[in-house]
Amino acid sequence: MRHWRAFIGLALVGALTVPGAVAPQARKISRIGVLSPFSQSDGPAPSFQVFRDTMRELGHVEGADLAFEYRWADGKYDRLPALAAELARSKVDVVLSAWSTPAALAAKQATTTIPIVFVGVGDAVGVGLVGSLARPGGNVTGSTFLSEETVGKLLQLLKEVVPRASRVATVSNPSNPVYVPMLKDVEAMGRRLSLQIVRLGVQGPGDVEAVFDSARRERLDGLVVMRDFVLITYRERIVELAAKHRLPVMYGMREFVSAGGLMSFEPSLAELYHRAAGLVHKILKGARPAELPVEQSSRFELVVNLKAAKALGLTIPSPVLLRADQVLE
């Protein structure tokens, strides 16, 4: 009997040491390649933490079954195609274009097989990222908003805050393809508000001073600064010059208001990243991007800086304040 018990004990020990016999299988780590136009010190994009938090809520734990691989363009458009190609060669499970239309287009050019999810692109159909919002086709899907709607609202807000305004300028990055087909529509919106629209561009730091020199020469009544990662890089200088020239400026990104700017109106980035995480989750579970509709933003956020308004000698109308999601004092 003693020998029989010894034999059973040895058999059990042997079973426990046989590779794969009862040891739990390692969890597959899904690799998400994050293509960011920003620098590592700035982080992948404004509100990106919402994406990471949502992935965790959906059951994906960084370090356990999820890993991020970042590529940083450091504010240079021309670096995006090579960085996207690097991610494609590394065979990540999903490429996440974390911010901007140029990044999303670079990702699409780099691979036709790896799923791509873009975040917060303006007019995804118009720039050729997807065939339609309902059925994107190919390997690309994401979250989008209508740029014209955002810019039109900024023009309307400028007219409400500065009723006498008649000549204003849009400030965009000429290298950003989303604005090429859109500026004519913006000028038509301006005419409906009795505003003559002037186009100004910023591609590098030297252009920022030139914008405000042009505004002074042309006697502009205000500016509308578009959404663009080059422009957001120079936000502190733009806000500083707006205050120096006592020029009302509306911004397409709240980071400008946080830096001391007057007012911003933009789609909710938190909502867009939340939606993008849901799409990535479905793809990791086996869904095909071609069959995942592009998510459209349903929330927009208005932020008003009363301190900046006071410095400009402006009184923000009560209807504008009542619509504001946040008022800085």
C-alpha atoms as a PDB file:
ATOM      1  CA  MET A   1       0.000   0.000   0.000  1.00  0.00           C
ATOM      2  CA  ARG A   2       2.846   2.355   0.872  1.00  0.00           C
ATOM      3  CA  HIS A   3       4.459   1.705  -2.552  1.00  0.00           C
ATOM      4  CA  TRP A   4       1.109   2.292  -4.291  1.00  0.00           C
ATOM      5  CA  ARG A   5       0.655   5.680  -2.553  1.00  0.00           C
ATOM      6  CA  ALA A   6       4.215   6.627  -3.501  1.00  0.00           C
ATOM      7  CA  PHE A   7       3.519   5.721  -7.124  1.00  0.00           C
ATOM      8  CA  ILE A   8       0.392   7.911  -7.210  1.00  0.00           C
ATOM      9  CA  GLY A   9       2.309  10.816  -5.653  1.00  0.00           C
ATOM     10  CA  LEU A  10       5.060  10.563  -8.252  1.00  0.00           C
ATOM     11  CA  ALA A  11       2.487  10.391 -11.023  1.00  0.00           C
ATOM     12  CA  LEU A  12       0.802  13.579  -9.797  1.00  0.00           C
ATOM     13  CA  VAL A  13       4.102  15.414  -9.541  1.00  0.00           C
ATOM     14  CA  GLY A  14       4.964  14.300 -13.024  1.00  0.00           C
ATOM     15  CA  ALA A  15       1.650  15.574 -14.366  1.00  0.00           C
ATOM     16  CA  LEU A  16       2.228  18.955 -12.772  1.00  0.00           C
ATOM     17  CA  THR A  17       5.640  19.275 -14.379  1.00  0.00           C
ATOM     18  CA  VAL A  18       4.614  18.210 -17.878  1.00  0.00           C
ATOM     19  CA  PRO A  19       4.697  21.375 -20.057  1.00  0.00           C
ATOM     20  CA  GLY A  20       1.169  22.572 -20.757  1.00  0.00           C
ATOM     21  CA  ALA A  21      -0.489  19.868 -18.688  1.00  0.00           C
ATOM     22  CA  VAL A  22      -2.247  22.121 -16.185  1.00  0.00           C
ATOM     23  CA  ALA A  23      -0.336  25.419 -16.414  1.00  0.00           C
ATOM     24  CA  PRO A  24      -2.558  28.346 -17.459  1.00  0.00           C
ATOM     25  CA  GLN A  25      -2.001  29.625 -20.985  1.00  0.00           C
ATOM     26  CA  ALA A  26      -0.365  33.047 -21.325  1.00  0.00           C
ATOM     27  CA  ARG A  27      -2.775  35.780 -22.450  1.00  0.00           C
ATOM     28  CA  LYS A  28      -2.209  37.106 -25.954  1.00  0.00           C
ATOM     29  CA  ILE A  29      -0.913  40.660 -25.863  1.00  0.00           C
ATOM     30  CA  SER A  30      -2.652  42.897 -28.393  1.00  0.00           C
ATOM     31  CA  ARG A  31      -0.320  45.566 -29.763  1.00  0.00           C
ATOM     32  CA  ILE A  32      -1.732  48.963 -30.673  1.00  0.00           C
ATOM     33  CA  GLY A  33       0.509  51.203 -32.736  1.00  0.00           C
ATOM     34  CA  VAL A  34      -0.189  54.836 -31.854  1.00  0.00           C
ATOM     35  CA  LEU A  35       0.698  57.329 -34.571  1.00  0.00           C
ATOM     36  CA  SER A  36       0.931  60.783 -32.988  1.00  0.00           C
ATOM     37  CA  PRO A  37       1.732  64.124 -34.634  1.00  0.00           C
ATOM     38  CA  PHE A  38       2.888  65.444 -31.255  1.00  0.00           C
ATOM     39  CA  SER A  39       6.116  64.941 -29.307  1.00  0.00           C
ATOM     40  CA  GLN A  40       6.621  62.444 -26.506  1.00  0.00           C
ATOM     41  CA  SER A  41       6.809  65.267 -23.961  1.00  0.00           C
ATOM     42  CA  ASP A  42       3.340  66.498 -25.039  1.00  0.00           C
ATOM     43  CA  GLY A  43       1.768  63.048 -25.046  1.00  0.00           C
ATOM     44  CA  PRO A  44      -0.043  61.340 -27.948  1.00  0.00           C
ATOM     45  CA  ALA A  45      -2.870  63.912 -28.135  1.00  0.00           C
ATOM     46  CA  PRO A  46      -5.156  66.038 -25.963  1.00  0.00           C
ATOM     47  CA  SER A  47      -7.581  63.808 -23.998  1.00  0.00           C
ATOM     48  CA  PHE A  48      -5.769  60.602 -25.050  1.00  0.00           C
ATOM     49  CA  GLN A  49      -6.043  59.301 -21.484  1.00  0.00           C
ATOM     50  CA  VAL A  50      -9.766  58.807 -22.097  1.00  0.00           C
ATOM     51  CA  PHE A  51      -8.869  56.197 -24.732  1.00  0.00           C
ATOM     52  CA  ARG A  52      -6.614  54.317 -22.320  1.00  0.00           C
ATOM     53  CA  ASP A  53      -9.206  54.484 -19.531  1.00  0.00           C
ATOM     54  CA  THR A  54     -11.974  53.221 -21.815  1.00  0.00           C
ATOM     55  CA  MET A  55      -9.828  50.314 -23.020  1.00  0.00           C
ATOM     56  CA  ARG A  56      -9.291  49.339 -19.393  1.00  0.00           C
ATOM     57  CA  GLU A  57     -13.033  49.554 -18.704  1.00  0.00           C
ATOM     58  CA  LEU A  58     -13.576  47.220 -21.660  1.00  0.00           C
ATOM     59  CA  GLY A  59     -11.269  44.640 -20.074  1.00  0.00           C
ATOM     60  CA  HIS A  60      -7.937  45.386 -21.752  1.00  0.00           C
ATOM     61  CA  VAL A  61      -5.157  45.733 -19.180  1.00  0.00           C
ATOM     62  CA  GLU A  62      -1.965  47.448 -20.276  1.00  0.00           C
ATOM     63  CA  GLY A  63       0.961  45.176 -19.488  1.00  0.00           C
ATOM     64  CA  ALA A  64      -1.261  42.081 -19.253  1.00  0.00           C
ATOM     65  CA  ASP A  65      -3.044  41.749 -22.603  1.00  0.00           C
ATOM     66  CA  LEU A  66      -2.447  45.190 -24.124  1.00  0.00           C
ATOM     67  CA  ALA A  67       0.658  47.096 -25.217  1.00  0.00           C
ATOM     68  CA  PHE A  68       1.067  50.470 -26.918  1.00  0.00           C
ATOM     69  CA  GLU A  69       3.805  51.230 -29.434  1.00  0.00           C
ATOM     70  CA  TYR A  70       4.188  54.961 -30.031  1.00  0.00           C
ATOM     71  CA  ARG A  71       5.594  56.862 -32.974  1.00  0.00           C
ATOM     72  CA  TRP A  72       6.058  60.620 -32.542  1.00  0.00           C
ATOM     73  CA  ALA A  73       6.155  63.115 -35.435  1.00  0.00           C
ATOM     74  CA  ASP A  74       7.294  66.005 -33.193  1.00  0.00           C
ATOM     75  CA  GLY A  75       4.994  68.425 -34.996  1.00  0.00           C
ATOM     76  CA  LYS A  76       6.356  67.637 -38.482  1.00  0.00           C
ATOM     77  CA  TYR A  77       3.856  66.520 -41.119  1.00  0.00           C
ATOM     78  CA  ASP A  78       6.549  65.103 -43.392  1.00  0.00           C
ATOM     79  CA  ARG A  79       7.578  62.531 -40.763  1.00  0.00           C
ATOM     80  CA  LEU A  80       4.169  60.887 -40.566  1.00  0.00           C
ATOM     81  CA  PRO A  81       4.405  58.602 -43.655  1.00  0.00           C
ATOM     82  CA  ALA A  82       7.709  57.038 -42.529  1.00  0.00           C
ATOM     83  CA  LEU A  83       6.441  56.570 -38.978  1.00  0.00           C
ATOM     84  CA  ALA A  84       3.238  54.957 -40.225  1.00  0.00           C
ATOM     85  CA  ALA A  85       5.305  52.618 -42.417  1.00  0.00           C
ATOM     86  CA  GLU A  86       7.379  51.640 -39.340  1.00  0.00           C
ATOM     87  CA  LEU A  87       4.231  50.652 -37.474  1.00  0.00           C
ATOM     88  CA  ALA A  88       2.998  48.655 -40.460  1.00  0.00           C
ATOM     89  CA  ARG A  89       6.306  46.758 -40.683  1.00  0.00           C
ATOM     90  CA  SER A  90       6.158  45.959 -36.976  1.00  0.00           C
ATOM     91  CA  LYS A  91       2.847  44.176 -37.626  1.00  0.00           C
ATOM     92  CA  VAL A  92       0.876  45.705 -34.780  1.00  0.00           C
ATOM     93  CA  ASP A  93      -2.684  44.454 -34.370  1.00  0.00           C
ATOM     94  CA  VAL A  94      -4.248  47.901 -34.835  1.00  0.00           C
ATOM     95  CA  VAL A  95      -2.908  51.299 -35.890  1.00  0.00           C
ATOM     96  CA  LEU A  96      -4.499  54.159 -33.959  1.00  0.00           C
ATOM     97  CA  SER A  97      -4.163  57.538 -35.649  1.00  0.00           C
ATOM     98  CA  ALA A  98      -4.314  59.561 -32.456  1.00  0.00           C
ATOM     99  CA  TRP A  99      -4.976  63.025 -33.888  1.00  0.00           C
ATOM    100  CA  SER A 100      -5.166  64.925 -37.201  1.00  0.00           C
ATOM    101  CA  THR A 101      -6.172  64.141 -40.749  1.00  0.00           C
ATOM    102  CA  PRO A 102      -2.575  63.959 -42.108  1.00  0.00           C
ATOM    103  CA  ALA A 103      -1.748  61.213 -39.591  1.00  0.00           C
ATOM    104  CA  ALA A 104      -4.814  59.209 -40.591  1.00  0.00           C
ATOM    105  CA  LEU A 105      -4.004  59.564 -44.302  1.00  0.00           C
ATOM    106  CA  ALA A 106      -0.389  58.484 -43.664  1.00  0.00           C
ATOM    107  CA  ALA A 107      -1.620  55.387 -41.843  1.00  0.00           C
ATOM    108  CA  LYS A 108      -3.983  54.508 -44.676  1.00  0.00           C
ATOM    109  CA  GLN A 109      -1.162  54.863 -47.201  1.00  0.00           C
ATOM    110  CA  ALA A 110       1.121  52.621 -45.122  1.00  0.00           C
ATOM    111  CA  THR A 111      -1.076  49.512 -44.972  1.00  0.00           C
ATOM    112  CA  THR A 112      -4.148  48.004 -46.596  1.00  0.00           C
ATOM    113  CA  THR A 113      -4.304  45.003 -44.252  1.00  0.00           C
ATOM    114  CA  ILE A 114      -3.717  46.153 -40.648  1.00  0.00           C
ATOM    115  CA  PRO A 115      -6.886  47.668 -39.142  1.00  0.00           C
ATOM    116  CA  ILE A 116      -6.698  51.453 -38.714  1.00  0.00           C
ATOM    117  CA  VAL A 117      -8.810  53.503 -36.311  1.00  0.00           C
ATOM    118  CA  PHE A 118      -8.615  57.302 -36.575  1.00  0.00           C
ATOM    119  CA  VAL A 119      -9.730  59.812 -33.964  1.00  0.00           C
ATOM    120  CA  GLY A 120     -11.359  63.196 -34.485  1.00  0.00           C
ATOM    121  CA  VAL A 121     -10.755  63.620 -38.202  1.00  0.00           C
ATOM    122  CA  GLY A 122     -12.754  66.353 -39.884  1.00  0.00           C
ATOM    123  CA  ASP A 123     -14.878  65.140 -42.826  1.00  0.00           C
ATOM    124  CA  ALA A 124     -13.486  61.604 -43.152  1.00  0.00           C
ATOM    125  CA  VAL A 125     -15.389  60.997 -46.400  1.00  0.00           C
ATOM    126  CA  GLY A 126     -14.380  64.293 -48.005  1.00  0.00           C
ATOM    127  CA  VAL A 127     -10.647  63.701 -47.510  1.00  0.00           C
ATOM    128  CA  GLY A 128     -10.878  60.145 -48.852  1.00  0.00           C
ATOM    129  CA  LEU A 129     -10.281  58.145 -45.686  1.00  0.00           C
ATOM    130  CA  VAL A 130     -13.457  56.085 -46.050  1.00  0.00           C
ATOM    131  CA  GLY A 131     -16.026  55.481 -48.755  1.00  0.00           C
ATOM    132  CA  SER A 132     -18.952  56.282 -46.502  1.00  0.00           C
ATOM    133  CA  LEU A 133     -19.619  56.697 -42.802  1.00  0.00           C
ATOM    134  CA  ALA A 134     -22.103  53.818 -42.680  1.00  0.00           C
ATOM    135  CA  ARG A 135     -19.891  51.324 -44.541  1.00  0.00           C
ATOM    136  CA  PRO A 136     -16.282  52.525 -44.515  1.00  0.00           C
ATOM    137  CA  GLY A 137     -14.905  49.676 -46.626  1.00  0.00           C
ATOM    138  CA  GLY A 138     -11.253  48.644 -46.592  1.00  0.00           C
ATOM    139  CA  ASN A 139      -9.267  48.527 -43.352  1.00  0.00           C
ATOM    140  CA  VAL A 140     -10.101  51.981 -41.958  1.00  0.00           C
ATOM    141  CA  THR A 141     -12.749  53.285 -39.547  1.00  0.00           C
ATOM    142  CA  GLY A 142     -12.837  55.772 -36.688  1.00  0.00           C
ATOM    143  CA  SER A 143     -14.544  58.828 -35.213  1.00  0.00           C
ATOM    144  CA  THR A 144     -15.176  62.065 -37.083  1.00  0.00           C
ATOM    145  CA  PHE A 145     -16.927  65.424 -37.018  1.00  0.00           C
ATOM    146  CA  LEU A 146     -17.925  68.041 -39.582  1.00  0.00           C
ATOM    147  CA  SER A 147     -15.231  70.720 -39.750  1.00  0.00           C
ATOM    148  CA  GLU A 148     -17.563  73.153 -41.500  1.00  0.00           C
ATOM    149  CA  GLU A 149     -20.009  72.945 -38.605  1.00  0.00           C
ATOM    150  CA  THR A 150     -17.260  73.791 -36.106  1.00  0.00           C
ATOM    151  CA  VAL A 151     -15.816  76.698 -38.087  1.00  0.00           C
ATOM    152  CA  GLY A 152     -19.271  78.083 -38.852  1.00  0.00           C
ATOM    153  CA  LYS A 153     -20.048  78.104 -35.152  1.00  0.00           C
ATOM    154  CA  LEU A 154     -16.784  79.927 -34.394  1.00  0.00           C
ATOM    155  CA  LEU A 155     -17.678  82.625 -36.931  1.00  0.00           C
ATOM    156  CA  GLN A 156     -21.134  82.963 -35.394  1.00  0.00           C
ATOM    157  CA  LEU A 157     -19.659  83.293 -31.895  1.00  0.00           C
ATOM    158  CA  LEU A 158     -17.237  85.966 -33.081  1.00  0.00           C
ATOM    159  CA  LYS A 159     -20.123  87.930 -34.577  1.00  0.00           C
ATOM    160  CA  GLU A 160     -22.122  87.606 -31.342  1.00  0.00           C
ATOM    161  CA  VAL A 161     -19.227  88.793 -29.188  1.00  0.00           C
ATOM    162  CA  VAL A 162     -18.099  91.516 -31.615  1.00  0.00           C
ATOM    163  CA  PRO A 163     -21.286  92.635 -33.443  1.00  0.00           C
ATOM    164  CA  ARG A 164     -19.434  95.386 -35.319  1.00  0.00           C
ATOM    165  CA  ALA A 165     -17.053  92.858 -36.922  1.00  0.00           C
ATOM    166  CA  SER A 166     -17.064  92.931 -40.715  1.00  0.00           C
ATOM    167  CA  ARG A 167     -13.626  91.595 -41.741  1.00  0.00           C
ATOM    168  CA  VAL A 168     -12.138  88.540 -40.073  1.00  0.00           C
ATOM    169  CA  ALA A 169      -9.515  85.960 -41.002  1.00  0.00           C
ATOM    170  CA  THR A 170      -9.377  82.200 -40.781  1.00  0.00           C
ATOM    171  CA  VAL A 171      -5.967  80.935 -39.662  1.00  0.00           C
ATOM    172  CA  SER A 172      -5.145  77.425 -40.859  1.00  0.00           C
ATOM    173  CA  ASN A 173      -2.183  75.271 -41.857  1.00  0.00           C
ATOM    174  CA  PRO A 174      -2.070  75.223 -45.682  1.00  0.00           C
ATOM    175  CA  SER A 175      -0.493  71.748 -45.531  1.00  0.00           C
ATOM    176  CA  ASN A 176      -3.533  70.264 -43.812  1.00  0.00           C
ATOM    177  CA  PRO A 177      -5.656  68.678 -46.573  1.00  0.00           C
ATOM    178  CA  VAL A 178      -8.906  68.955 -44.648  1.00  0.00           C
ATOM    179  CA  TYR A 179      -9.023  72.723 -45.186  1.00  0.00           C
ATOM    180  CA  VAL A 180      -8.318  72.787 -48.918  1.00  0.00           C
ATOM    181  CA  PRO A 181     -11.900  71.986 -50.037  1.00  0.00           C
ATOM    182  CA  MET A 182     -13.479  73.628 -47.020  1.00  0.00           C
ATOM    183  CA  LEU A 183     -12.344  77.256 -47.134  1.00  0.00           C
ATOM    184  CA  LYS A 184     -14.751  78.239 -49.913  1.00  0.00           C
ATOM    185  CA  ASP A 185     -17.631  76.910 -47.817  1.00  0.00           C
ATOM    186  CA  VAL A 186     -16.340  78.923 -44.859  1.00  0.00           C
ATOM    187  CA  GLU A 187     -16.320  82.089 -46.957  1.00  0.00           C
ATOM    188  CA  ALA A 188     -19.958  81.428 -47.915  1.00  0.00           C
ATOM    189  CA  MET A 189     -20.809  81.046 -44.215  1.00  0.00           C
ATOM    190  CA  GLY A 190     -19.118  84.370 -43.571  1.00  0.00           C
ATOM    191  CA  ARG A 191     -21.233  86.125 -46.191  1.00  0.00           C
ATOM    192  CA  ARG A 192     -24.389  84.894 -44.473  1.00  0.00           C
ATOM    193  CA  LEU A 193     -23.121  86.557 -41.286  1.00  0.00           C
ATOM    194  CA  SER A 194     -22.125  89.751 -43.147  1.00  0.00           C
ATOM    195  CA  LEU A 195     -18.455  88.873 -42.644  1.00  0.00           C
ATOM    196  CA  GLN A 196     -15.750  89.186 -45.259  1.00  0.00           C
ATOM    197  CA  ILE A 197     -13.300  86.291 -44.791  1.00  0.00           C
ATOM    198  CA  VAL A 198      -9.555  86.628 -45.330  1.00  0.00           C
ATOM    199  CA  ARG A 199      -7.317  83.540 -45.433  1.00  0.00           C
ATOM    200  CA  LEU A 200      -4.097  83.445 -43.390  1.00  0.00           C
ATOM    201  CA  GLY A 201      -1.758  80.487 -42.970  1.00  0.00           C
ATOM    202  CA  VAL A 202       0.751  79.161 -40.444  1.00  0.00           C
ATOM    203  CA  GLN A 203       3.239  76.415 -41.290  1.00  0.00           C
ATOM    204  CA  GLY A 204       6.161  77.451 -39.094  1.00  0.00           C
ATOM    205  CA  PRO A 205       6.994  79.691 -36.131  1.00  0.00           C
ATOM    206  CA  GLY A 206       7.873  82.676 -38.339  1.00  0.00           C
ATOM    207  CA  ASP A 207       4.361  82.683 -39.782  1.00  0.00           C
ATOM    208  CA  VAL A 208       2.757  83.426 -36.404  1.00  0.00           C
ATOM    209  CA  GLU A 209       4.134  86.976 -36.267  1.00  0.00           C
ATOM    210  CA  ALA A 210       3.195  87.447 -39.926  1.00  0.00           C
ATOM    211  CA  VAL A 211      -0.457  86.575 -39.203  1.00  0.00           C
ATOM    212  CA  PHE A 212      -0.790  89.377 -36.672  1.00  0.00           C
ATOM    213  CA  ASP A 213       1.127  91.806 -38.886  1.00  0.00           C
ATOM    214  CA  SER A 214      -1.377  91.043 -41.653  1.00  0.00           C
ATOM    215  CA  ALA A 215      -4.279  91.453 -39.239  1.00  0.00           C
ATOM    216  CA  ARG A 216      -3.023  94.922 -38.305  1.00  0.00           C
ATOM    217  CA  ARG A 217      -2.383  96.016 -41.892  1.00  0.00           C
ATOM    218  CA  GLU A 218      -5.740  94.779 -43.129  1.00  0.00           C
ATOM    219  CA  ARG A 219      -7.620  96.164 -40.125  1.00  0.00           C
ATOM    220  CA  LEU A 220      -9.197  92.850 -39.267  1.00  0.00           C
ATOM    221  CA  ASP A 221     -11.815  92.719 -36.531  1.00  0.00           C
ATOM    222  CA  GLY A 222     -10.940  89.219 -35.342  1.00  0.00           C
ATOM    223  CA  LEU A 223      -9.470  85.812 -36.151  1.00  0.00           C
ATOM    224  CA  VAL A 224     -10.700  82.220 -36.181  1.00  0.00           C
ATOM    225  CA  VAL A 225      -7.885  79.732 -35.515  1.00  0.00           C
ATOM    226  CA  MET A 226      -8.587  76.285 -36.960  1.00  0.00           C
ATOM    227  CA  ARG A 227      -7.871  72.867 -35.454  1.00  0.00           C
ATOM    228  CA  ASP A 228      -4.359  71.775 -36.395  1.00  0.00           C
ATOM    229  CA  PHE A 229      -1.446  70.252 -34.477  1.00  0.00           C
ATOM    230  CA  VAL A 230       1.030  72.794 -35.904  1.00  0.00           C
ATOM    231  CA  LEU A 231      -1.159  75.629 -34.651  1.00  0.00           C
ATOM    232  CA  ILE A 232      -1.616  74.057 -31.226  1.00  0.00           C
ATOM    233  CA  THR A 233       2.164  73.811 -30.943  1.00  0.00           C
ATOM    234  CA  TYR A 234       2.360  77.623 -31.138  1.00  0.00           C
ATOM    235  CA  ARG A 235      -0.640  78.279 -28.919  1.00  0.00           C
ATOM    236  CA  GLU A 236       1.185  80.266 -26.241  1.00  0.00           C
ATOM    237  CA  ARG A 237       2.710  82.638 -28.787  1.00  0.00           C
ATOM    238  CA  ILE A 238      -0.595  83.041 -30.649  1.00  0.00           C
ATOM    239  CA  VAL A 239      -2.461  83.843 -27.430  1.00  0.00           C
ATOM    240  CA  GLU A 240       0.284  86.274 -26.386  1.00  0.00           C
ATOM    241  CA  LEU A 241       0.130  88.162 -29.695  1.00  0.00           C
ATOM    242  CA  ALA A 242      -3.675  88.243 -29.660  1.00  0.00           C
ATOM    243  CA  ALA A 243      -3.542  89.965 -26.264  1.00  0.00           C
ATOM    244  CA  LYS A 244      -0.782  92.320 -27.398  1.00  0.00           C
ATOM    245  CA  HIS A 245      -2.738  93.396 -30.486  1.00  0.00           C
ATOM    246  CA  ARG A 246      -6.037  93.418 -28.533  1.00  0.00           C
ATOM    247  CA  LEU A 247      -7.589  91.212 -31.184  1.00  0.00           C
ATOM    248  CA  PRO A 248     -10.571  88.932 -30.456  1.00  0.00           C
ATOM    249  CA  VAL A 249      -9.699  85.384 -31.501  1.00  0.00           C
ATOM    250  CA  MET A 250     -11.897  82.283 -31.553  1.00  0.00           C
ATOM    251  CA  TYR A 251     -10.153  78.926 -31.362  1.00  0.00           C
ATOM    252  CA  GLY A 252     -11.018  75.443 -32.567  1.00  0.00           C
ATOM    253  CA  MET A 253      -9.206  73.874 -29.584  1.00  0.00           C
ATOM    254  CA  ARG A 254      -9.717  74.490 -25.878  1.00  0.00           C
ATOM    255  CA  GLU A 255      -5.964  74.305 -25.196  1.00  0.00           C
ATOM    256  CA  PHE A 256      -5.737  77.885 -26.470  1.00  0.00           C
ATOM    257  CA  VAL A 257      -8.246  79.069 -23.875  1.00  0.00           C
ATOM    258  CA  SER A 258      -6.369  77.185 -21.159  1.00  0.00           C
ATOM    259  CA  ALA A 259      -3.308  79.177 -22.289  1.00  0.00           C
ATOM    260  CA  GLY A 260      -5.227  82.464 -21.840  1.00  0.00           C
ATOM    261  CA  GLY A 261      -7.196  82.743 -25.085  1.00  0.00           C
ATOM    262  CA  LEU A 262     -10.710  84.185 -25.380  1.00  0.00           C
ATOM    263  CA  MET A 263     -13.053  81.408 -26.481  1.00  0.00           C
ATOM    264  CA  SER A 264     -13.050  77.930 -28.032  1.00  0.00           C
ATOM    265  CA  PHE A 265     -15.601  75.653 -29.647  1.00  0.00           C
ATOM    266  CA  GLU A 266     -14.749  72.081 -30.589  1.00  0.00           C
ATOM    267  CA  PRO A 267     -16.107  68.553 -30.755  1.00  0.00           C
ATOM    268  CA  SER A 268     -15.748  66.690 -27.467  1.00  0.00           C
ATOM    269  CA  LEU A 269     -12.417  64.909 -27.746  1.00  0.00           C
ATOM    270  CA  ALA A 270     -13.298  62.812 -24.708  1.00  0.00           C
ATOM    271  CA  GLU A 271     -16.339  61.483 -26.553  1.00  0.00           C
ATOM    272  CA  LEU A 272     -14.332  60.834 -29.727  1.00  0.00           C
ATOM    273  CA  TYR A 273     -11.643  58.867 -27.864  1.00  0.00           C
ATOM    274  CA  HIS A 274     -14.305  56.939 -25.979  1.00  0.00           C
ATOM    275  CA  ARG A 275     -15.931  55.967 -29.269  1.00  0.00           C
ATOM    276  CA  ALA A 276     -12.566  55.083 -30.835  1.00  0.00           C
ATOM    277  CA  ALA A 277     -11.766  52.744 -27.947  1.00  0.00           C
ATOM    278  CA  GLY A 278     -15.045  50.956 -28.542  1.00  0.00           C
ATOM    279  CA  LEU A 279     -14.099  50.426 -32.187  1.00  0.00           C
ATOM    280  CA  VAL A 280     -10.628  49.107 -31.279  1.00  0.00           C
ATOM    281  CA  HIS A 281     -12.216  46.731 -28.752  1.00  0.00           C
ATOM    282  CA  LYS A 282     -14.538  45.317 -31.426  1.00  0.00           C
ATOM    283  CA  ILE A 283     -11.644  44.874 -33.862  1.00  0.00           C
ATOM    284  CA  LEU A 284      -9.565  43.021 -31.260  1.00  0.00           C
ATOM    285  CA  LYS A 285     -12.569  40.740 -30.756  1.00  0.00           C
ATOM    286  CA  GLY A 286     -12.630  39.928 -34.474  1.00  0.00           C
ATOM    287  CA  ALA A 287     -14.747  42.630 -36.144  1.00  0.00           C
ATOM    288  CA  ARG A 288     -13.694  43.966 -39.558  1.00  0.00           C
ATOM    289  CA  PRO A 289     -13.162  47.761 -39.903  1.00  0.00           C
ATOM    290  CA  ALA A 290     -14.989  47.706 -43.238  1.00  0.00           C
ATOM    291  CA  GLU A 291     -18.192  46.806 -41.404  1.00  0.00           C
ATOM    292  CA  LEU A 292     -17.835  49.173 -38.439  1.00  0.00           C
ATOM    293  CA  PRO A 293     -19.564  52.510 -39.123  1.00  0.00           C
ATOM    294  CA  VAL A 294     -17.533  55.644 -38.529  1.00  0.00           C
ATOM    295  CA  GLU A 295     -18.712  57.255 -35.292  1.00  0.00           C
ATOM    296  CA  GLN A 296     -19.780  60.905 -35.559  1.00  0.00           C
ATOM    297  CA  SER A 297     -19.372  63.397 -32.742  1.00  0.00           C
ATOM    298  CA  SER A 298     -22.650  64.304 -31.055  1.00  0.00           C
ATOM    299  CA  ARG A 299     -21.213  66.657 -28.416  1.00  0.00           C
ATOM    300  CA  PHE A 300     -19.460  69.988 -28.814  1.00  0.00           C
ATOM    301  CA  GLU A 301     -17.898  72.064 -26.046  1.00  0.00           C
ATOM    302  CA  LEU A 302     -17.826  75.847 -25.675  1.00  0.00           C
ATOM    303  CA  VAL A 303     -15.266  77.349 -23.278  1.00  0.00           C
ATOM    304  CA  VAL A 304     -15.209  81.079 -22.422  1.00  0.00           C
ATOM    305  CA  ASN A 305     -12.409  82.988 -20.678  1.00  0.00           C
ATOM    306  CA  LEU A 306     -13.909  86.030 -18.925  1.00  0.00           C
ATOM    307  CA  LYS A 307     -10.499  87.315 -17.862  1.00  0.00           C
ATOM    308  CA  ALA A 308      -9.374  87.467 -21.497  1.00  0.00           C
ATOM    309  CA  ALA A 309     -12.656  89.148 -22.466  1.00  0.00           C
ATOM    310  CA  LYS A 310     -12.174  91.831 -19.806  1.00  0.00           C
ATOM    311  CA  ALA A 311      -8.619  92.509 -20.986  1.00  0.00           C
ATOM    312  CA  LEU A 312     -10.003  93.087 -24.497  1.00  0.00           C
ATOM    313  CA  GLY A 313     -12.780  95.346 -23.210  1.00  0.00           C
ATOM    314  CA  LEU A 314     -15.452  92.879 -24.317  1.00  0.00           C
ATOM    315  CA  THR A 315     -18.675  91.940 -22.580  1.00  0.00           C
ATOM    316  CA  ILE A 316     -19.700  88.373 -23.343  1.00  0.00           C
ATOM    317  CA  PRO A 317     -23.457  88.304 -24.094  1.00  0.00           C
ATOM    318  CA  SER A 318     -25.594  86.344 -21.632  1.00  0.00           C
ATOM    319  CA  PRO A 319     -26.867  83.888 -24.291  1.00  0.00           C
ATOM    320  CA  VAL A 320     -23.257  82.894 -25.034  1.00  0.00           C
ATOM    321  CA  LEU A 321     -22.465  82.408 -21.350  1.00  0.00           C
ATOM    322  CA  LEU A 322     -25.586  80.295 -20.897  1.00  0.00           C
ATOM    323  CA  ARG A 323     -24.465  78.008 -23.718  1.00  0.00           C
ATOM    324  CA  ALA A 324     -20.919  77.653 -22.370  1.00  0.00           C
ATOM    325  CA  ASP A 325     -19.818  74.280 -21.010  1.00  0.00           C
ATOM    326  CA  GLN A 326     -17.104  75.983 -18.982  1.00  0.00           C
ATOM    327  CA  VAL A 327     -16.481  79.616 -17.995  1.00  0.00           C
ATOM    328  CA  LEU A 328     -12.993  80.585 -16.783  1.00  0.00           C
ATOM    329  CA  GLU A 329     -12.851  83.613 -14.499  1.00  0.00           C
END
